[in-house]
C-alpha atoms as a PDB file:
ATOM      1  CA  MET A   1     -34.487 -70.423  26.606  1.00  0.00           C
ATOM      2  CA  VAL A   2     -34.069 -68.834  30.487  1.00  0.00           C
ATOM      3  CA  ALA A   3     -30.885 -69.343  32.756  1.00  0.00           C
ATOM      4  CA  ALA A   4     -31.619 -68.883  36.488  1.00  0.00           C
ATOM      5  CA  TYR A   5     -28.744 -67.866  38.499  1.00  0.00           C
ATOM      6  CA  LEU A   6     -28.992 -68.023  42.574  1.00  0.00           C
ATOM      7  CA  ALA A   7     -27.477 -66.266  45.174  1.00  0.00           C
ATOM      8  CA  THR A   8     -26.892 -68.044  48.433  1.00  0.00           C
ATOM      9  CA  PRO A   9     -24.519 -67.229  51.430  1.00  0.00           C
ATOM     10  CA  ARG A  10     -20.919 -69.494  51.238  1.00  0.00           C
ATOM     11  CA  ASN A  11     -21.115 -73.098  52.137  1.00  0.00           C
ATOM     12  CA  GLU A  12     -24.829 -72.943  52.431  1.00  0.00           C
ATOM     13  CA  THR A  13     -27.691 -73.620  50.646  1.00  0.00           C
ATOM     14  CA  ALA A  14     -30.426 -70.924  51.661  1.00  0.00           C
ATOM     15  CA  VAL A  15     -31.244 -68.909  48.538  1.00  0.00           C
ATOM     16  CA  LEU A  16     -30.953 -65.566  49.362  1.00  0.00           C
ATOM     17  CA  GLY A  17     -32.368 -64.151  45.810  1.00  0.00           C
ATOM     18  CA  PHE A  18     -32.139 -64.954  42.220  1.00  0.00           C
ATOM     19  CA  TYR A  19     -32.135 -63.403  38.452  1.00  0.00           C
ATOM     20  CA  THR A  20     -33.481 -64.612  35.117  1.00  0.00           C
ATOM     21  CA  LEU A  21     -31.974 -64.035  31.977  1.00  0.00           C
ATOM     22  CA  GLY A  22     -32.366 -64.700  28.225  1.00  0.00           C
ATOM     23  CA  ALA A  23     -32.152 -63.585  24.889  1.00  0.00           C
ATOM     24  CA  LEU A  24     -34.722 -61.138  22.836  1.00  0.00           C
ATOM     25  CA  ALA A  25     -35.693 -59.066  19.793  1.00  0.00           C
ATOM     26  CA  VAL A  26     -36.915 -55.512  19.943  1.00  0.00           C
ATOM     27  CA  ARG A  27     -38.188 -53.466  17.608  1.00  0.00           C
ATOM     28  CA  ALA A  28     -35.553 -51.060  16.454  1.00  0.00           C
ATOM     29  CA  ASP A  29     -37.797 -48.281  16.079  1.00  0.00           C
ATOM     30  CA  PHE A  30     -38.473 -48.642  20.160  1.00  0.00           C
ATOM     31  CA  GLY A  31     -34.827 -48.137  21.375  1.00  0.00           C
ATOM     32  CA  PRO A  32     -31.898 -45.106  20.567  1.00  0.00           C
ATOM     33  CA  GLN A  33     -31.271 -43.409  17.104  1.00  0.00           C
ATOM     34  CA  GLN A  34     -28.696 -45.601  16.098  1.00  0.00           C
ATOM     35  CA  TRP A  35     -30.843 -48.583  16.056  1.00  0.00           C
ATOM     36  CA  HIS A  36     -33.251 -47.086  13.463  1.00  0.00           C
ATOM     37  CA  HIS A  37     -30.242 -46.792  11.025  1.00  0.00           C
ATOM     38  CA  ALA A  38     -29.502 -50.298  11.583  1.00  0.00           C
ATOM     39  CA  HIS A  39     -31.927 -50.963   8.997  1.00  0.00           C
ATOM     40  CA  VAL A  40     -33.350 -54.385  10.252  1.00  0.00           C
ATOM     41  CA  PRO A  41     -36.817 -54.802  12.483  1.00  0.00           C
ATOM     42  CA  ASP A  42     -35.831 -56.215  15.306  1.00  0.00           C
ATOM     43  CA  ILE A  43     -32.848 -55.714  17.480  1.00  0.00           C
ATOM     44  CA  PRO A  44     -31.044 -58.658  19.474  1.00  0.00           C
ATOM     45  CA  VAL A  45     -31.031 -57.860  23.268  1.00  0.00           C
ATOM     46  CA  PHE A  46     -30.184 -59.833  26.395  1.00  0.00           C
ATOM     47  CA  TYR A  47     -33.322 -59.881  28.446  1.00  0.00           C
ATOM     48  CA  ILE A  48     -32.969 -59.799  32.257  1.00  0.00           C
ATOM     49  CA  ARG A  49     -36.261 -61.368  32.919  1.00  0.00           C
ATOM     50  CA  ALA A  50     -36.641 -61.096  37.024  1.00  0.00           C
ATOM     51  CA  VAL A  51     -34.332 -59.985  39.856  1.00  0.00           C
ATOM     52  CA  ALA A  52     -35.779 -61.109  43.443  1.00  0.00           C
ATOM     53  CA  VAL A  53     -34.362 -61.195  46.915  1.00  0.00           C
ATOM     54  CA  ARG A  54     -35.895 -62.704  49.791  1.00  0.00           C
ATOM     55  CA  ALA A  55     -38.212 -60.390  51.685  1.00  0.00           C
ATOM     56  CA  ASP A  56     -36.032 -60.785  55.208  1.00  0.00           C
ATOM     57  CA  LYS A  57     -32.760 -60.197  52.804  1.00  0.00           C
ATOM     58  CA  GLN A  58     -34.294 -56.644  51.002  1.00  0.00           C
ATOM     59  CA  GLY A  59     -32.633 -53.327  51.879  1.00  0.00           C
ATOM     60  CA  LYS A  60     -29.148 -55.272  51.776  1.00  0.00           C
ATOM     61  CA  GLU A  61     -27.687 -54.821  48.495  1.00  0.00           C
ATOM     62  CA  ILE A  62     -28.395 -58.052  47.427  1.00  0.00           C
ATOM     63  CA  GLY A  63     -30.372 -57.002  44.640  1.00  0.00           C
ATOM     64  CA  THR A  64     -28.159 -54.946  43.593  1.00  0.00           C
ATOM     65  CA  ALA A  65     -25.246 -57.259  43.354  1.00  0.00           C
ATOM     66  CA  LEU A  66     -27.742 -59.604  41.754  1.00  0.00           C
ATOM     67  CA  LEU A  67     -28.153 -56.908  39.072  1.00  0.00           C
ATOM     68  CA  ILE A  68     -24.519 -56.084  38.498  1.00  0.00           C
ATOM     69  CA  ASP A  69     -23.592 -60.064  38.202  1.00  0.00           C
ATOM     70  CA  ALA A  70     -26.394 -59.597  35.238  1.00  0.00           C
ATOM     71  CA  VAL A  71     -24.997 -57.075  33.562  1.00  0.00           C
ATOM     72  CA  LEU A  72     -21.382 -58.481  33.840  1.00  0.00           C
ATOM     73  CA  ARG A  73     -22.501 -61.922  32.485  1.00  0.00           C
ATOM     74  CA  CYS A  74     -23.942 -60.476  29.546  1.00  0.00           C
ATOM     75  CA  LEU A  75     -21.032 -58.562  28.583  1.00  0.00           C
ATOM     76  CA  ARG A  76     -19.332 -61.699  28.977  1.00  0.00           C
ATOM     77  CA  LEU A  77     -22.069 -63.078  26.886  1.00  0.00           C
ATOM     78  CA  SER A  78     -21.575 -60.580  24.030  1.00  0.00           C
ATOM     79  CA  LYS A  79     -18.653 -61.494  23.110  1.00  0.00           C
ATOM     80  CA  GLN A  80     -19.752 -64.743  21.674  1.00  0.00           C
ATOM     81  CA  MET A  81     -23.027 -63.197  20.737  1.00  0.00           C
ATOM     82  CA  SER A  82     -23.895 -60.218  19.682  1.00  0.00           C
ATOM     83  CA  ALA A  83     -26.782 -58.123  21.346  1.00  0.00           C
ATOM     84  CA  ALA A  84     -26.854 -54.293  21.615  1.00  0.00           C
ATOM     85  CA  ALA A  85     -28.337 -53.977  24.977  1.00  0.00           C
ATOM     86  CA  ILE A  86     -29.485 -55.337  27.942  1.00  0.00           C
ATOM     87  CA  VAL A  87     -33.266 -55.147  28.669  1.00  0.00           C
ATOM     88  CA  LEU A  88     -35.768 -55.691  31.623  1.00  0.00           C
ATOM     89  CA  ASP A  89     -39.316 -54.456  32.553  1.00  0.00           C
ATOM     90  CA  VAL A  90     -39.589 -52.234  35.924  1.00  0.00           C
ATOM     91  CA  LEU A  91     -41.748 -54.020  38.453  1.00  0.00           C
ATOM     92  CA  GLY A  92     -45.183 -51.966  38.005  1.00  0.00           C
ATOM     93  CA  ASP A  93     -45.825 -52.475  41.790  1.00  0.00           C
ATOM     94  CA  GLY A  94     -46.764 -49.606  44.064  1.00  0.00           C
ATOM     95  CA  GLN A  95     -43.092 -48.673  44.327  1.00  0.00           C
ATOM     96  CA  PHE A  96     -42.434 -48.105  40.801  1.00  0.00           C
ATOM     97  CA  GLN A  97     -40.939 -44.795  41.220  1.00  0.00           C
ATOM     98  CA  GLN A  98     -38.287 -46.176  43.748  1.00  0.00           C
ATOM     99  CA  HIS A  99     -37.421 -49.173  40.856  1.00  0.00           C
ATOM    100  CA  PHE A 100     -37.168 -46.743  37.925  1.00  0.00           C
ATOM    101  CA  ARG A 101     -34.980 -44.052  39.889  1.00  0.00           C
ATOM    102  CA  PHE A 102     -32.713 -47.576  40.935  1.00  0.00           C
ATOM    103  CA  TYR A 103     -32.092 -48.776  37.268  1.00  0.00           C
ATOM    104  CA  ALA A 104     -31.723 -45.106  35.689  1.00  0.00           C
ATOM    105  CA  GLY A 105     -29.095 -44.237  38.349  1.00  0.00           C
ATOM    106  CA  LEU A 106     -26.967 -47.324  36.385  1.00  0.00           C
ATOM    107  CA  GLY A 107     -27.749 -45.865  33.337  1.00  0.00           C
ATOM    108  CA  PHE A 108     -30.789 -47.754  31.974  1.00  0.00           C
ATOM    109  CA  GLN A 109     -32.841 -45.608  29.631  1.00  0.00           C
ATOM    110  CA  PRO A 110     -36.260 -46.052  28.548  1.00  0.00           C
ATOM    111  CA  MET A 111     -37.357 -47.612  25.643  1.00  0.00           C
ATOM    112  CA  ILE A 112     -39.932 -46.088  23.731  1.00  0.00           C
ATOM    113  CA  ASP A 113     -42.181 -49.125  23.312  1.00  0.00           C
ATOM    114  CA  PRO A 114     -46.148 -47.797  23.439  1.00  0.00           C
ATOM    115  CA  ASP A 115     -47.142 -51.472  24.526  1.00  0.00           C
ATOM    116  CA  ASN A 116     -44.746 -51.540  27.420  1.00  0.00           C
ATOM    117  CA  PRO A 117     -43.666 -48.092  29.214  1.00  0.00           C
ATOM    118  CA  ARG A 118     -42.137 -49.761  31.723  1.00  0.00           C
ATOM    119  CA  ARG A 119     -39.069 -51.573  29.406  1.00  0.00           C
ATOM    120  CA  VAL A 120     -35.720 -50.083  30.049  1.00  0.00           C
ATOM    121  CA  PHE A 121     -32.348 -50.726  28.557  1.00  0.00           C
ATOM    122  CA  ILE A 122     -28.572 -49.918  28.544  1.00  0.00           C
ATOM    123  CA  SER A 123     -26.455 -50.630  25.543  1.00  0.00           C
ATOM    124  CA  THR A 124     -23.747 -53.161  25.905  1.00  0.00           C
ATOM    125  CA  ALA A 125     -21.439 -50.715  24.484  1.00  0.00           C
ATOM    126  CA  ASP A 126     -22.226 -48.401  27.895  1.00  0.00           C
ATOM    127  CA  VAL A 127     -21.826 -50.946  30.357  1.00  0.00           C
ATOM    128  CA  GLN A 128     -18.491 -51.986  28.051  1.00  0.00           C
ATOM    129  CA  ARG A 129     -17.266 -48.103  28.326  1.00  0.00           C
ATOM    130  CA  THR A 130     -18.450 -47.892  32.081  1.00  0.00           C
ATOM    131  CA  ILE A 131     -16.377 -51.060  33.145  1.00  0.00           C
ATOM    132  CA  GLY A 132     -13.154 -50.272  30.933  1.00  0.00           C
END
């Protein structure tokens, strides 16, 4: 199941951007060393499937606000259901390096997934420590 969350201006219906959020299991050996010691093949994570901003609204930090909202929502959900991390796939367009630096600047790290080198994660524990 995937849920979509929309960004709209106050008291308007125009959509400025959105993100989708779901659940996923990733192989334990694709993540950090502590996952390898869990003695389970898969680790539950939150998966941000998409973050998109309307073309005429890009560059106005709407995407950053959407991503922060998604991460905070995942943190709240992690109190109800266990998930070790938040995972997303960096857009593989002509601006991949710029997108990757953006996510790395927020604390996301590459997963060691030979089938998907664009996949990055941040642990829910790291997010919790960051926001207190």
